[in-house]
């Protein structure tokens, strides 16, 4: 916390994706570090800069707010290899330029139907990668948010069009609480030191 306190005012809000990275690592650790997230976990927690990854959290959709049980329309289409492809629109994606993300979606059955409410949600892990032409795989950036004071940290509206992903867990209240709780202490520290810096 002492290092965060000193570094935060000059970081250009880089501590925000670091908090999300910390949250993603804790979620993976809590559900079990195994394939396919073992490599991601090692990169999220490494101290080697050349291997280090940051993580985004892409939860909010068009309906907005924190009611993901009713607001999540993104669907996950099962693939023959056990993975999924995500299709949907994420209205507010934190740390858009991260190396990976945790996101929510509803698994489609063979008829294309999904389960409504929180019972139908699953948590997915997806890498942000590019093809040989440099284009994002399964992601189209619709627009960057025109934000007031955090322009150096991109937040975007993204269309997920077949984004390859793996299910981490059937989501439950403890996972969402865990994700959110990882922000509380860093955010409290950042807020305090920024107030000191600019007053």
C-alpha atoms as a PDB file:
ATOM      1  CA  UNK A   1       0.000   0.000   0.000  1.00  0.00           C
ATOM      2  CA  UNK A   2       2.876   2.386   0.714  1.00  0.00           C
ATOM      3  CA  UNK A   3       4.227   1.978  -2.831  1.00  0.00           C
ATOM      4  CA  UNK A   4       0.732   2.474  -4.265  1.00  0.00           C
ATOM      5  CA  UNK A   5       0.317   5.614  -2.148  1.00  0.00           C
ATOM      6  CA  UNK A   6       3.529   7.098  -3.553  1.00  0.00           C
ATOM      7  CA  UNK A   7       3.105   5.910  -7.152  1.00  0.00           C
ATOM      8  CA  UNK A   8      -0.595   6.547  -7.742  1.00  0.00           C
ATOM      9  CA  UNK A   9      -0.661  10.344  -8.293  1.00  0.00           C
ATOM     10  CA  UNK A  10       1.957  10.121 -11.052  1.00  0.00           C
ATOM     11  CA  UNK A  11       0.800   6.882 -12.656  1.00  0.00           C
ATOM     12  CA  UNK A  12      -1.676   8.294 -15.156  1.00  0.00           C
ATOM     13  CA  UNK A  13      -4.323   6.053 -13.541  1.00  0.00           C
ATOM     14  CA  UNK A  14      -2.315   2.939 -14.403  1.00  0.00           C
ATOM     15  CA  UNK A  15      -3.189   1.730 -10.919  1.00  0.00           C
ATOM     16  CA  UNK A  16      -6.780   1.151 -12.131  1.00  0.00           C
ATOM     17  CA  UNK A  17      -5.896  -1.713 -14.510  1.00  0.00           C
ATOM     18  CA  UNK A  18      -3.488  -2.961 -11.847  1.00  0.00           C
ATOM     19  CA  UNK A  19      -6.424  -3.253  -9.442  1.00  0.00           C
ATOM     20  CA  UNK A  20      -8.392  -5.178 -12.081  1.00  0.00           C
ATOM     21  CA  UNK A  21      -5.374  -7.399 -12.677  1.00  0.00           C
ATOM     22  CA  UNK A  22      -5.182  -8.117  -8.975  1.00  0.00           C
ATOM     23  CA  UNK A  23      -8.910  -8.906  -8.940  1.00  0.00           C
ATOM     24  CA  UNK A  24      -8.618 -11.265 -11.915  1.00  0.00           C
ATOM     25  CA  UNK A  25      -5.700 -13.118 -10.330  1.00  0.00           C
ATOM     26  CA  UNK A  26      -7.642 -13.534  -7.092  1.00  0.00           C
ATOM     27  CA  UNK A  27     -10.705 -14.867  -8.904  1.00  0.00           C
ATOM     28  CA  UNK A  28      -8.605 -17.395 -10.836  1.00  0.00           C
ATOM     29  CA  UNK A  29      -6.859 -18.418  -7.630  1.00  0.00           C
ATOM     30  CA  UNK A  30     -10.209 -18.851  -5.876  1.00  0.00           C
ATOM     31  CA  UNK A  31     -11.775 -21.071  -8.553  1.00  0.00           C
ATOM     32  CA  UNK A  32      -8.578 -23.045  -9.124  1.00  0.00           C
ATOM     33  CA  UNK A  33      -5.447 -22.406 -11.150  1.00  0.00           C
ATOM     34  CA  UNK A  34      -5.689 -25.001 -13.902  1.00  0.00           C
ATOM     35  CA  UNK A  35      -5.868 -25.116 -17.676  1.00  0.00           C
ATOM     36  CA  UNK A  36      -6.782 -22.917 -19.515  1.00  0.00           C
ATOM     37  CA  UNK A  37      -6.129 -20.097 -17.030  1.00  0.00           C
ATOM     38  CA  UNK A  38      -2.839 -21.331 -15.554  1.00  0.00           C
ATOM     39  CA  UNK A  39      -0.719 -19.429 -18.099  1.00  0.00           C
ATOM     40  CA  UNK A  40      -2.783 -16.287 -17.600  1.00  0.00           C
ATOM     41  CA  UNK A  41      -2.441 -16.555 -13.826  1.00  0.00           C
ATOM     42  CA  UNK A  42       1.330 -16.889 -14.066  1.00  0.00           C
ATOM     43  CA  UNK A  43       1.461 -13.774 -16.253  1.00  0.00           C
ATOM     44  CA  UNK A  44      -0.860 -11.752 -14.010  1.00  0.00           C
ATOM     45  CA  UNK A  45       1.295 -12.481 -10.968  1.00  0.00           C
ATOM     46  CA  UNK A  46       4.807 -12.450 -12.443  1.00  0.00           C
ATOM     47  CA  UNK A  47       7.398  -9.857 -11.485  1.00  0.00           C
ATOM     48  CA  UNK A  48       9.075 -10.104 -14.884  1.00  0.00           C
ATOM     49  CA  UNK A  49       8.001  -7.076 -16.965  1.00  0.00           C
ATOM     50  CA  UNK A  50       8.391  -8.897 -20.292  1.00  0.00           C
ATOM     51  CA  UNK A  51       5.913 -11.610 -19.207  1.00  0.00           C
ATOM     52  CA  UNK A  52       3.460  -9.447 -17.254  1.00  0.00           C
ATOM     53  CA  UNK A  53      -0.173  -9.133 -18.378  1.00  0.00           C
ATOM     54  CA  UNK A  54      -2.879  -6.739 -17.281  1.00  0.00           C
ATOM     55  CA  UNK A  55      -6.526  -7.771 -17.141  1.00  0.00           C
ATOM     56  CA  UNK A  56      -9.694  -5.935 -18.040  1.00  0.00           C
ATOM     57  CA  UNK A  57     -13.178  -6.493 -16.682  1.00  0.00           C
ATOM     58  CA  UNK A  58     -15.890  -6.213 -19.298  1.00  0.00           C
ATOM     59  CA  UNK A  59     -19.194  -6.515 -17.477  1.00  0.00           C
ATOM     60  CA  UNK A  60     -21.462  -3.572 -18.311  1.00  0.00           C
ATOM     61  CA  UNK A  61     -23.767  -3.804 -21.323  1.00  0.00           C
ATOM     62  CA  UNK A  62     -26.253  -1.416 -22.948  1.00  0.00           C
ATOM     63  CA  UNK A  63     -28.634  -1.455 -20.010  1.00  0.00           C
ATOM     64  CA  UNK A  64     -25.762  -0.219 -17.863  1.00  0.00           C
ATOM     65  CA  UNK A  65     -25.375  -0.215 -14.123  1.00  0.00           C
ATOM     66  CA  UNK A  66     -24.462  -3.086 -11.860  1.00  0.00           C
ATOM     67  CA  UNK A  67     -27.537  -5.247 -12.462  1.00  0.00           C
ATOM     68  CA  UNK A  68     -25.703  -7.800 -14.583  1.00  0.00           C
ATOM     69  CA  UNK A  69     -28.380 -10.438 -13.897  1.00  0.00           C
ATOM     70  CA  UNK A  70     -30.878  -8.550 -16.040  1.00  0.00           C
ATOM     71  CA  UNK A  71     -28.479  -6.529 -18.157  1.00  0.00           C
ATOM     72  CA  UNK A  72     -26.229  -9.227 -19.642  1.00  0.00           C
ATOM     73  CA  UNK A  73     -27.228 -10.176 -23.187  1.00  0.00           C
ATOM     74  CA  UNK A  74     -23.868 -11.504 -24.439  1.00  0.00           C
ATOM     75  CA  UNK A  75     -24.114 -15.171 -25.400  1.00  0.00           C
ATOM     76  CA  UNK A  76     -21.471 -17.896 -25.323  1.00  0.00           C
ATOM     77  CA  UNK A  77     -21.707 -20.441 -28.122  1.00  0.00           C
ATOM     78  CA  UNK A  78     -20.135 -23.809 -27.205  1.00  0.00           C
ATOM     79  CA  UNK A  79     -17.407 -25.135 -29.517  1.00  0.00           C
ATOM     80  CA  UNK A  80     -16.456 -28.755 -30.162  1.00  0.00           C
ATOM     81  CA  UNK A  81     -13.137 -28.368 -28.295  1.00  0.00           C
ATOM     82  CA  UNK A  82     -14.848 -27.273 -25.073  1.00  0.00           C
ATOM     83  CA  UNK A  83     -14.191 -23.571 -25.559  1.00  0.00           C
ATOM     84  CA  UNK A  84     -16.772 -20.890 -26.404  1.00  0.00           C
ATOM     85  CA  UNK A  85     -17.217 -17.991 -28.775  1.00  0.00           C
ATOM     86  CA  UNK A  86     -18.727 -14.843 -27.341  1.00  0.00           C
ATOM     87  CA  UNK A  87     -21.211 -12.668 -29.206  1.00  0.00           C
ATOM     88  CA  UNK A  88     -22.578  -9.442 -27.757  1.00  0.00           C
ATOM     89  CA  UNK A  89     -22.054  -5.775 -27.043  1.00  0.00           C
ATOM     90  CA  UNK A  90     -20.091  -4.517 -24.054  1.00  0.00           C
ATOM     91  CA  UNK A  91     -21.006  -0.902 -23.435  1.00  0.00           C
ATOM     92  CA  UNK A  92     -18.286  -0.065 -20.896  1.00  0.00           C
ATOM     93  CA  UNK A  93     -15.067  -2.073 -20.979  1.00  0.00           C
ATOM     94  CA  UNK A  94     -12.533  -1.200 -18.325  1.00  0.00           C
ATOM     95  CA  UNK A  95      -8.893  -1.501 -19.407  1.00  0.00           C
ATOM     96  CA  UNK A  96      -9.782  -2.014 -23.045  1.00  0.00           C
ATOM     97  CA  UNK A  97      -6.102  -2.321 -23.967  1.00  0.00           C
ATOM     98  CA  UNK A  98      -5.414  -5.136 -21.470  1.00  0.00           C
ATOM     99  CA  UNK A  99      -3.898  -8.457 -22.493  1.00  0.00           C
ATOM    100  CA  UNK A 100      -6.894 -10.488 -21.255  1.00  0.00           C
ATOM    101  CA  UNK A 101     -10.266  -9.967 -19.665  1.00  0.00           C
ATOM    102  CA  UNK A 102     -12.862 -11.513 -17.439  1.00  0.00           C
ATOM    103  CA  UNK A 103     -16.376 -11.065 -18.758  1.00  0.00           C
ATOM    104  CA  UNK A 104     -19.906 -12.367 -18.320  1.00  0.00           C
ATOM    105  CA  UNK A 105     -22.081 -14.207 -20.835  1.00  0.00           C
ATOM    106  CA  UNK A 106     -24.980 -16.646 -21.067  1.00  0.00           C
ATOM    107  CA  UNK A 107     -24.342 -20.088 -22.517  1.00  0.00           C
ATOM    108  CA  UNK A 108     -26.565 -20.982 -25.443  1.00  0.00           C
ATOM    109  CA  UNK A 109     -28.036 -24.462 -25.647  1.00  0.00           C
ATOM    110  CA  UNK A 110     -28.480 -26.361 -28.914  1.00  0.00           C
ATOM    111  CA  UNK A 111     -31.708 -24.497 -29.654  1.00  0.00           C
ATOM    112  CA  UNK A 112     -30.099 -21.103 -29.100  1.00  0.00           C
ATOM    113  CA  UNK A 113     -31.914 -20.529 -25.806  1.00  0.00           C
ATOM    114  CA  UNK A 114     -30.301 -19.119 -22.660  1.00  0.00           C
ATOM    115  CA  UNK A 115     -31.222 -19.155 -18.986  1.00  0.00           C
ATOM    116  CA  UNK A 116     -32.408 -15.754 -17.680  1.00  0.00           C
ATOM    117  CA  UNK A 117     -31.349 -14.076 -14.464  1.00  0.00           C
ATOM    118  CA  UNK A 118     -28.229 -14.637 -12.419  1.00  0.00           C
ATOM    119  CA  UNK A 119     -28.574 -18.424 -12.718  1.00  0.00           C
ATOM    120  CA  UNK A 120     -27.834 -18.173 -16.425  1.00  0.00           C
ATOM    121  CA  UNK A 121     -24.602 -16.209 -16.091  1.00  0.00           C
ATOM    122  CA  UNK A 122     -21.119 -17.655 -16.395  1.00  0.00           C
ATOM    123  CA  UNK A 123     -17.750 -15.999 -15.979  1.00  0.00           C
ATOM    124  CA  UNK A 124     -15.391 -16.261 -18.950  1.00  0.00           C
ATOM    125  CA  UNK A 125     -11.698 -15.684 -19.546  1.00  0.00           C
ATOM    126  CA  UNK A 126     -10.612 -14.350 -22.934  1.00  0.00           C
ATOM    127  CA  UNK A 127      -7.260 -13.274 -24.301  1.00  0.00           C
ATOM    128  CA  UNK A 128      -7.039 -10.087 -26.328  1.00  0.00           C
ATOM    129  CA  UNK A 129      -5.025 -11.106 -29.377  1.00  0.00           C
ATOM    130  CA  UNK A 130      -4.497 -10.104 -32.983  1.00  0.00           C
ATOM    131  CA  UNK A 131      -4.372 -12.006 -36.257  1.00  0.00           C
ATOM    132  CA  UNK A 132      -1.548 -11.924 -38.790  1.00  0.00           C
ATOM    133  CA  UNK A 133      -2.922  -8.657 -40.227  1.00  0.00           C
ATOM    134  CA  UNK A 134      -2.875  -6.971 -36.816  1.00  0.00           C
ATOM    135  CA  UNK A 135      -6.650  -7.018 -36.387  1.00  0.00           C
ATOM    136  CA  UNK A 136      -8.249  -7.915 -33.075  1.00  0.00           C
ATOM    137  CA  UNK A 137      -9.623 -11.449 -33.026  1.00  0.00           C
ATOM    138  CA  UNK A 138     -13.358 -11.459 -32.408  1.00  0.00           C
ATOM    139  CA  UNK A 139     -13.446  -7.848 -31.185  1.00  0.00           C
ATOM    140  CA  UNK A 140     -14.576  -4.691 -32.976  1.00  0.00           C
ATOM    141  CA  UNK A 141     -14.009  -1.347 -31.271  1.00  0.00           C
ATOM    142  CA  UNK A 142     -17.195   0.659 -31.813  1.00  0.00           C
ATOM    143  CA  UNK A 143     -15.980   3.822 -30.125  1.00  0.00           C
ATOM    144  CA  UNK A 144     -13.809   5.132 -27.310  1.00  0.00           C
ATOM    145  CA  UNK A 145     -15.625   6.789 -24.427  1.00  0.00           C
ATOM    146  CA  UNK A 146     -15.343  10.573 -24.381  1.00  0.00           C
ATOM    147  CA  UNK A 147     -14.400  10.829 -20.731  1.00  0.00           C
ATOM    148  CA  UNK A 148     -13.743  13.901 -18.647  1.00  0.00           C
ATOM    149  CA  UNK A 149     -10.507  13.205 -16.804  1.00  0.00           C
ATOM    150  CA  UNK A 150      -9.176   9.724 -17.519  1.00  0.00           C
ATOM    151  CA  UNK A 151      -8.365   9.930 -21.210  1.00  0.00           C
ATOM    152  CA  UNK A 152      -4.994   8.211 -20.826  1.00  0.00           C
ATOM    153  CA  UNK A 153      -6.778   5.001 -19.809  1.00  0.00           C
ATOM    154  CA  UNK A 154      -9.015   3.845 -22.691  1.00  0.00           C
ATOM    155  CA  UNK A 155     -12.566   2.730 -22.049  1.00  0.00           C
ATOM    156  CA  UNK A 156     -14.519   1.565 -25.077  1.00  0.00           C
ATOM    157  CA  UNK A 157     -17.716   0.153 -26.447  1.00  0.00           C
ATOM    158  CA  UNK A 158     -16.855  -3.241 -27.923  1.00  0.00           C
ATOM    159  CA  UNK A 159     -18.696  -5.613 -30.193  1.00  0.00           C
ATOM    160  CA  UNK A 160     -17.734  -9.196 -29.405  1.00  0.00           C
ATOM    161  CA  UNK A 161     -18.089 -11.094 -32.655  1.00  0.00           C
ATOM    162  CA  UNK A 162     -16.898 -14.639 -32.020  1.00  0.00           C
ATOM    163  CA  UNK A 163     -14.326 -13.802 -29.340  1.00  0.00           C
ATOM    164  CA  UNK A 164     -12.651 -17.095 -28.287  1.00  0.00           C
ATOM    165  CA  UNK A 165     -13.137 -17.675 -24.562  1.00  0.00           C
ATOM    166  CA  UNK A 166     -13.060 -20.277 -21.819  1.00  0.00           C
ATOM    167  CA  UNK A 167     -15.519 -20.590 -18.973  1.00  0.00           C
ATOM    168  CA  UNK A 168     -13.891 -19.950 -15.614  1.00  0.00           C
ATOM    169  CA  UNK A 169     -16.934 -20.613 -13.467  1.00  0.00           C
ATOM    170  CA  UNK A 170     -20.660 -20.458 -13.188  1.00  0.00           C
ATOM    171  CA  UNK A 171     -20.846 -17.008 -11.701  1.00  0.00           C
ATOM    172  CA  UNK A 172     -22.169 -16.568  -8.204  1.00  0.00           C
ATOM    173  CA  UNK A 173     -22.534 -13.725  -5.769  1.00  0.00           C
ATOM    174  CA  UNK A 174     -19.197 -14.526  -4.122  1.00  0.00           C
ATOM    175  CA  UNK A 175     -17.287 -14.096  -7.402  1.00  0.00           C
ATOM    176  CA  UNK A 176     -18.842 -10.700  -8.103  1.00  0.00           C
ATOM    177  CA  UNK A 177     -18.212  -9.606  -4.521  1.00  0.00           C
ATOM    178  CA  UNK A 178     -14.623 -10.836  -4.832  1.00  0.00           C
ATOM    179  CA  UNK A 179     -14.052  -8.909  -8.062  1.00  0.00           C
ATOM    180  CA  UNK A 180     -15.499  -5.711  -6.603  1.00  0.00           C
ATOM    181  CA  UNK A 181     -13.785  -6.046  -3.240  1.00  0.00           C
ATOM    182  CA  UNK A 182     -10.353  -6.080  -4.862  1.00  0.00           C
ATOM    183  CA  UNK A 183     -11.003  -2.464  -5.916  1.00  0.00           C
ATOM    184  CA  UNK A 184     -11.950  -1.105  -2.509  1.00  0.00           C
ATOM    185  CA  UNK A 185      -8.573  -0.776  -0.821  1.00  0.00           C
ATOM    186  CA  UNK A 186      -6.614   0.434  -3.901  1.00  0.00           C
ATOM    187  CA  UNK A 187      -9.387   2.904  -4.780  1.00  0.00           C
ATOM    188  CA  UNK A 188      -9.528   4.251  -1.241  1.00  0.00           C
ATOM    189  CA  UNK A 189      -5.753   4.726  -1.256  1.00  0.00           C
ATOM    190  CA  UNK A 190      -5.756   6.389  -4.684  1.00  0.00           C
ATOM    191  CA  UNK A 191      -8.596   8.736  -3.782  1.00  0.00           C
ATOM    192  CA  UNK A 192      -6.884   9.889  -0.624  1.00  0.00           C
ATOM    193  CA  UNK A 193      -3.518  10.563  -2.189  1.00  0.00           C
ATOM    194  CA  UNK A 194      -5.014  12.300  -5.251  1.00  0.00           C
ATOM    195  CA  UNK A 195      -6.923  14.623  -2.917  1.00  0.00           C
ATOM    196  CA  UNK A 196      -3.674  15.459  -1.143  1.00  0.00           C
ATOM    197  CA  UNK A 197      -1.881  15.981  -4.450  1.00  0.00           C
ATOM    198  CA  UNK A 198      -4.377  18.465  -5.914  1.00  0.00           C
ATOM    199  CA  UNK A 199      -5.495  20.414  -2.845  1.00  0.00           C
END
